[in-house]
N, C-alpha and C. Protein backbone atom coordinates (compact mmCIF):
# COMPACT_ATOMS: atom_id res chain seq x y z
N MET A 1 0.97 -1.14 -0.03
CA MET A 1 -0.07 -0.11 0.01
C MET A 1 1.13 1.03 -0.29
N SER A 2 0.72 2.32 -0.90
CA SER A 2 1.51 3.35 -0.47
C SER A 2 0.75 4.38 0.33
N GLU A 3 2.21 4.99 0.60
CA GLU A 3 1.93 6.23 1.90
C GLU A 3 1.10 7.35 1.48
N LEU A 4 -0.17 7.63 2.02
CA LEU A 4 -0.57 8.49 2.09
C LEU A 4 -0.41 9.98 2.45
N LEU A 5 0.35 9.86 3.24
CA LEU A 5 0.76 11.12 3.90
C LEU A 5 2.30 10.94 4.32
N SER A 6 2.77 12.18 3.72
CA SER A 6 4.38 12.02 3.48
C SER A 6 4.63 13.90 4.05
N ILE A 7 5.96 14.01 4.93
CA ILE A 7 5.71 15.51 4.95
C ILE A 7 7.06 15.67 3.91
N ILE A 8 6.58 16.96 3.23
CA ILE A 8 7.47 17.75 2.06
C ILE A 8 8.18 18.89 2.62
N ASP A 9 8.26 19.32 3.75
CA ASP A 9 8.66 20.42 4.18
C ASP A 9 8.69 20.80 5.35
N ARG A 10 9.17 21.56 6.46
CA ARG A 10 9.03 22.13 7.39
C ARG A 10 9.67 23.32 7.63
N THR A 11 8.68 24.18 8.35
CA THR A 11 8.84 25.53 8.71
C THR A 11 9.46 25.77 10.21
N GLU A 12 10.03 26.57 10.74
CA GLU A 12 10.78 27.32 11.87
C GLU A 12 10.19 28.39 12.53
N PRO A 13 9.36 28.52 13.04
CA PRO A 13 9.04 30.08 13.55
C PRO A 13 10.28 30.95 13.36
N ASP A 14 9.93 32.18 13.20
CA ASP A 14 11.28 33.03 13.21
C ASP A 14 11.12 34.13 14.44
N ASP A 15 9.84 34.39 14.70
CA ASP A 15 9.44 35.40 15.89
C ASP A 15 9.54 36.60 15.37
N LEU A 16 9.23 36.57 13.85
CA LEU A 16 9.33 38.11 13.52
C LEU A 16 7.92 38.85 13.66
N ILE A 17 6.92 38.15 13.74
CA ILE A 17 5.31 38.68 13.66
C ILE A 17 5.21 38.16 15.21
N VAL A 18 4.63 38.77 15.96
CA VAL A 18 4.50 38.62 17.37
C VAL A 18 2.94 38.82 17.67
N GLY A 19 2.02 39.15 17.01
CA GLY A 19 0.71 39.43 17.42
C GLY A 19 -0.34 39.23 16.22
N THR A 20 -1.55 39.59 16.18
CA THR A 20 -2.47 39.34 15.36
C THR A 20 -2.92 41.05 15.27
N GLN A 21 -2.90 41.68 15.80
CA GLN A 21 -3.44 43.03 15.69
C GLN A 21 -2.31 43.88 15.87
N PRO A 22 -2.13 45.13 14.83
CA PRO A 22 -3.11 44.76 13.21
C PRO A 22 -2.73 43.57 12.76
N PRO A 23 -3.51 43.46 11.78
CA PRO A 23 -2.92 42.14 11.09
C PRO A 23 -1.74 42.47 10.07
N ALA A 24 -0.97 41.05 9.88
CA ALA A 24 0.15 41.25 9.02
C ALA A 24 -0.80 41.17 7.49
N ARG A 25 -0.21 42.31 6.66
CA ARG A 25 -0.77 42.42 5.42
C ARG A 25 0.57 42.39 4.75
N ILE A 26 0.35 41.77 3.43
CA ILE A 26 1.68 41.94 2.74
C ILE A 26 1.30 42.90 1.25
N GLY A 27 2.12 43.75 0.57
CA GLY A 27 1.98 44.20 -0.38
C GLY A 27 3.63 44.03 -1.25
N SER A 28 3.71 44.84 -2.34
CA SER A 28 4.67 44.58 -2.87
C SER A 28 5.37 46.17 -3.09
N GLY A 29 6.59 45.88 -3.68
CA GLY A 29 7.31 46.96 -4.14
C GLY A 29 8.67 46.53 -4.87
N VAL A 30 9.56 47.38 -5.41
CA VAL A 30 10.64 47.01 -6.47
C VAL A 30 11.68 47.29 -5.44
N LEU A 31 12.68 46.40 -5.26
CA LEU A 31 13.90 46.76 -4.61
C LEU A 31 14.91 47.07 -5.35
N LYS A 32 15.65 48.16 -5.22
CA LYS A 32 16.97 48.99 -6.18
C LYS A 32 18.10 47.82 -6.38
N ALA A 33 17.84 47.81 -7.56
CA ALA A 33 19.34 46.79 -8.05
C ALA A 33 20.57 47.24 -7.32
N ASN A 34 21.30 45.96 -7.46
CA ASN A 34 22.43 45.78 -6.18
C ASN A 34 22.30 46.11 -4.97
N ALA A 35 21.17 45.84 -4.36
CA ALA A 35 20.72 46.14 -2.82
C ALA A 35 21.53 44.74 -2.09
N GLY A 36 22.16 44.16 -3.16
CA GLY A 36 22.65 42.81 -2.08
C GLY A 36 21.57 41.67 -1.42
N ALA A 37 22.33 40.76 -0.76
CA ALA A 37 21.44 39.56 0.04
C ALA A 37 20.98 40.16 1.32
N LEU A 38 19.50 40.45 1.56
CA LEU A 38 18.76 40.69 2.66
C LEU A 38 18.05 39.73 3.14
N LYS A 39 17.83 39.86 4.32
CA LYS A 39 17.20 38.93 5.13
C LYS A 39 15.60 39.18 5.39
N ARG A 40 14.36 38.16 5.39
CA ARG A 40 13.54 38.57 5.99
C ARG A 40 13.49 39.19 7.36
N GLY A 41 12.58 40.39 7.64
CA GLY A 41 12.43 41.63 8.51
C GLY A 41 13.28 42.45 8.22
N THR A 42 14.24 42.50 7.12
CA THR A 42 14.79 43.76 7.08
C THR A 42 13.86 45.30 6.92
N ILE A 43 14.00 46.43 7.05
CA ILE A 43 13.05 47.40 7.42
C ILE A 43 13.94 47.84 6.14
N LEU A 44 12.96 48.52 5.08
CA LEU A 44 13.10 48.78 3.86
C LEU A 44 12.82 50.38 3.61
N ALA A 45 13.11 51.09 2.88
CA ALA A 45 13.23 52.67 2.93
C ALA A 45 12.58 52.98 1.55
N LYS A 46 11.71 53.62 0.95
CA LYS A 46 11.46 54.22 -0.16
C LYS A 46 12.20 55.54 -0.74
N GLY A 47 12.75 55.52 -1.71
CA GLY A 47 13.56 56.78 -2.37
C GLY A 47 12.55 57.55 -3.14
N GLU A 48 13.29 58.54 -3.76
CA GLU A 48 12.83 59.18 -4.59
C GLU A 48 11.93 59.05 -5.76
N ASP A 49 12.71 57.90 -6.09
CA ASP A 49 12.54 57.06 -7.59
C ASP A 49 11.45 56.26 -7.41
N GLY A 50 11.18 55.62 -5.76
CA GLY A 50 10.07 54.91 -5.76
C GLY A 50 10.54 53.21 -5.45
N LYS A 51 11.81 53.31 -5.38
CA LYS A 51 12.37 51.93 -5.34
C LYS A 51 12.67 51.93 -3.94
N LEU A 52 12.80 50.29 -3.76
CA LEU A 52 12.99 50.20 -1.86
C LEU A 52 14.48 49.82 -1.54
N ASP A 53 15.07 49.96 -0.84
CA ASP A 53 16.31 49.70 -0.37
C ASP A 53 16.42 49.77 0.96
N ILE A 54 17.63 49.07 1.38
CA ILE A 54 17.59 48.88 3.25
C ILE A 54 17.59 50.02 3.78
N LEU A 55 17.05 50.22 4.82
CA LEU A 55 17.13 51.62 5.65
C LEU A 55 18.09 52.01 6.28
N GLY A 56 18.76 53.15 6.10
CA GLY A 56 19.95 53.67 6.59
C GLY A 56 20.87 53.78 5.30
N LYS A 57 20.88 53.42 4.41
CA LYS A 57 21.60 53.45 3.07
C LYS A 57 21.39 54.89 2.36
N ASP A 58 20.30 55.47 2.32
CA ASP A 58 19.82 56.91 1.79
C ASP A 58 19.47 57.45 2.94
N GLU A 59 19.84 58.60 3.25
CA GLU A 59 19.45 59.46 4.42
C GLU A 59 17.94 59.75 4.22
N SER A 60 17.65 60.36 2.68
CA SER A 60 16.63 61.06 2.31
C SER A 60 15.28 60.09 1.98
N ALA A 61 15.58 58.89 2.12
CA ALA A 61 14.79 58.16 1.83
C ALA A 61 13.84 57.54 3.24
N GLU A 62 12.58 57.62 3.39
CA GLU A 62 11.78 56.87 4.19
C GLU A 62 11.41 55.52 4.48
N ALA A 63 11.31 55.13 5.79
CA ALA A 63 10.97 53.77 6.10
C ALA A 63 9.93 53.48 5.45
N TYR A 64 9.56 52.15 4.72
CA TYR A 64 8.27 52.08 3.90
C TYR A 64 7.70 50.53 4.49
N GLY A 65 8.42 49.62 4.61
CA GLY A 65 7.80 48.44 5.02
C GLY A 65 9.15 47.35 5.46
N ILE A 66 8.69 45.98 5.57
CA ILE A 66 9.31 45.19 6.26
C ILE A 66 9.22 43.92 5.16
N LEU A 67 10.85 43.53 4.52
CA LEU A 67 11.04 42.57 3.62
C LEU A 67 10.35 41.05 4.21
N ALA A 68 9.21 40.64 3.53
CA ALA A 68 8.76 39.52 3.82
C ALA A 68 9.36 38.26 3.67
N ASP A 69 10.66 37.76 2.71
CA ASP A 69 11.29 37.01 2.06
C ASP A 69 12.95 37.12 2.21
N ASP A 70 13.97 35.98 2.35
CA ASP A 70 15.27 36.34 2.18
C ASP A 70 15.29 36.89 0.72
N THR A 71 15.74 37.51 0.27
CA THR A 71 15.98 38.28 -1.09
C THR A 71 17.53 38.24 -1.43
N GLU A 72 17.72 38.29 -2.49
CA GLU A 72 19.07 38.91 -2.77
C GLU A 72 18.95 39.63 -4.56
N ALA A 73 19.29 40.69 -4.49
CA ALA A 73 19.13 41.60 -5.47
C ALA A 73 20.49 41.85 -6.37
N SER A 74 20.52 41.38 -7.66
CA SER A 74 21.69 41.41 -8.26
C SER A 74 21.96 42.76 -9.25
N GLU A 75 22.03 42.88 -10.52
CA GLU A 75 22.72 43.78 -11.24
C GLU A 75 20.85 44.62 -11.96
N SER A 76 19.87 43.85 -11.55
CA SER A 76 18.57 44.54 -11.82
C SER A 76 17.70 44.71 -10.79
N ASP A 77 16.60 45.50 -10.96
CA ASP A 77 15.73 45.91 -9.98
C ASP A 77 15.09 44.49 -9.83
N LEU A 78 14.10 44.25 -8.60
CA LEU A 78 13.61 43.27 -8.32
C LEU A 78 12.35 43.43 -7.55
N PRO A 79 11.24 42.76 -8.10
CA PRO A 79 9.93 43.01 -7.18
C PRO A 79 9.98 42.05 -6.16
N VAL A 80 9.42 42.58 -5.17
CA VAL A 80 9.45 41.81 -3.62
C VAL A 80 8.13 42.27 -2.98
N ASP A 81 8.11 41.18 -2.20
CA ASP A 81 6.72 41.22 -1.10
C ASP A 81 7.13 42.09 -0.38
N ILE A 82 6.58 42.61 0.63
CA ILE A 82 6.72 43.34 2.04
C ILE A 82 5.29 43.67 2.71
N TYR A 83 5.91 43.47 4.16
CA TYR A 83 4.84 43.55 5.05
C TYR A 83 4.51 45.38 5.40
N ILE A 84 3.44 45.56 4.82
CA ILE A 84 2.66 46.93 5.01
C ILE A 84 2.17 47.14 6.45
N SER A 85 1.74 46.00 6.77
CA SER A 85 1.07 46.44 8.52
C SER A 85 1.46 45.13 8.96
N GLY A 86 1.33 45.40 10.74
CA GLY A 86 1.32 43.92 11.18
C GLY A 86 2.06 44.24 12.43
N MET A 87 2.22 43.56 13.51
CA MET A 87 2.79 43.48 15.01
C MET A 87 4.31 42.80 14.89
N PHE A 88 5.14 43.32 14.82
CA PHE A 88 6.61 42.83 14.67
C PHE A 88 7.65 43.03 15.64
N ASN A 89 8.31 41.79 16.19
CA ASN A 89 9.23 41.82 16.96
C ASN A 89 10.63 42.82 16.94
N ALA A 90 10.47 43.96 17.68
CA ALA A 90 11.79 44.90 17.33
C ALA A 90 13.27 44.19 17.34
N ASN A 91 13.22 43.20 17.87
CA ASN A 91 14.77 42.57 18.30
C ASN A 91 15.01 41.66 16.77
N LYS A 92 13.92 41.96 16.10
CA LYS A 92 14.15 40.90 15.07
C LYS A 92 14.52 41.35 13.94
N LEU A 93 14.30 42.95 14.00
CA LEU A 93 14.60 43.63 12.62
C LEU A 93 15.74 44.03 12.10
N THR A 94 16.12 44.17 10.81
CA THR A 94 17.18 44.55 10.72
C THR A 94 17.23 45.77 9.62
N VAL A 95 18.62 46.78 10.12
CA VAL A 95 18.63 47.96 9.15
C VAL A 95 20.33 47.78 8.73
N ASN A 96 20.52 48.92 7.83
CA ASN A 96 22.13 49.05 7.43
C ASN A 96 22.76 49.20 8.64
N ALA A 97 23.67 48.43 8.55
CA ALA A 97 24.87 48.30 9.76
C ALA A 97 25.24 49.52 10.27
N GLU A 98 25.32 50.37 9.85
CA GLU A 98 26.04 51.86 10.21
C GLU A 98 24.90 52.72 10.79
N TYR A 99 23.59 52.25 10.67
CA TYR A 99 22.53 52.80 10.88
C TYR A 99 21.63 52.31 12.39
N GLU A 100 21.30 53.35 13.15
CA GLU A 100 20.38 52.83 14.25
C GLU A 100 18.91 53.64 14.13
N ILE A 101 17.81 52.74 14.18
CA ILE A 101 16.30 53.05 14.14
C ILE A 101 16.21 54.24 14.90
N LYS A 102 15.45 55.28 13.92
CA LYS A 102 15.40 56.45 14.75
C LYS A 102 13.85 56.31 15.30
N GLU A 103 13.12 57.53 16.20
CA GLU A 103 11.93 57.04 16.69
C GLU A 103 11.16 58.10 15.06
N SER A 104 11.78 58.69 14.39
CA SER A 104 11.00 59.35 12.99
C SER A 104 10.61 57.80 11.77
N ASP A 105 11.86 57.02 12.15
CA ASP A 105 11.31 55.95 10.90
C ASP A 105 10.37 55.05 11.42
N LYS A 106 10.36 54.68 13.22
CA LYS A 106 9.15 54.08 13.65
C LYS A 106 7.84 54.81 13.58
N ASP A 107 7.98 56.21 13.66
CA ASP A 107 6.58 56.88 13.64
C ASP A 107 5.98 56.72 11.94
N ALA A 108 6.80 56.64 10.85
CA ALA A 108 6.78 56.40 9.51
C ALA A 108 6.01 55.25 9.35
N LEU A 109 6.59 54.11 9.90
CA LEU A 109 6.25 52.61 9.93
C LEU A 109 4.43 52.77 10.51
N ARG A 110 4.48 53.50 11.48
CA ARG A 110 3.38 53.61 12.04
C ARG A 110 2.23 54.08 11.23
N ARG A 111 2.64 54.97 10.66
CA ARG A 111 1.51 55.42 9.74
C ARG A 111 0.97 54.59 8.51
N TYR A 112 1.63 53.39 8.12
CA TYR A 112 1.75 52.21 7.48
C TYR A 112 0.83 51.04 8.50
N GLY A 113 0.48 51.23 9.39
CA GLY A 113 0.21 50.14 10.00
C GLY A 113 0.85 49.24 10.69
N ILE A 114 2.50 49.65 11.01
CA ILE A 114 3.41 48.46 11.24
C ILE A 114 3.56 49.17 12.85
N GLU A 115 3.19 48.01 13.68
CA GLU A 115 3.72 48.30 15.32
C GLU A 115 4.79 47.28 15.43
N PHE A 116 5.46 48.00 16.59
CA PHE A 116 6.69 47.26 17.31
C PHE A 116 6.40 46.87 18.60
N LYS A 117 7.08 45.58 19.05
CA LYS A 117 6.87 45.35 20.51
C LYS A 117 8.10 44.19 20.68
N ALA A 118 8.68 44.64 21.86
CA ALA A 118 9.70 43.76 22.23
C ALA A 118 9.67 42.43 22.81
N ALA A 119 10.08 41.35 21.96
CA ALA A 119 9.65 40.13 22.25
C ALA A 119 10.82 39.42 22.45
N ILE A 120 11.08 38.60 23.51
CA ILE A 120 12.00 37.81 23.91
C ILE A 120 11.59 36.30 23.63
N LYS A 121 12.43 35.36 23.54
CA LYS A 121 12.16 33.88 23.52
C LYS A 121 12.52 32.95 24.44
N TYR A 122 11.56 32.39 24.85
CA TYR A 122 11.79 31.71 26.54
C TYR A 122 12.22 30.57 26.17
């Protein structure tokens, strides 16, 4: 008799999303060419050209959303899925290495429905 149920893949929770209110919603955007390898949970900023890049690379760009999946942008612009609302673990978010998240960044994200909570793993 053939096997009726088999495990195809497994997922491990990464604790990025820590609540159900506001609900997590996904939108789309275009990641700027040569942005490099970015991890899920990277805060993205929208530049004057309307393209997204990691927060802190361009001081004039405003925080816009959170990257939903690990991504690697090479020589061309890349369409990506981003969280445009939800409750996120502040300890799991990523920005440019030389940059610290400012209150103005958090305020910009809150306008889009993105909230933060400090959560720890037990």
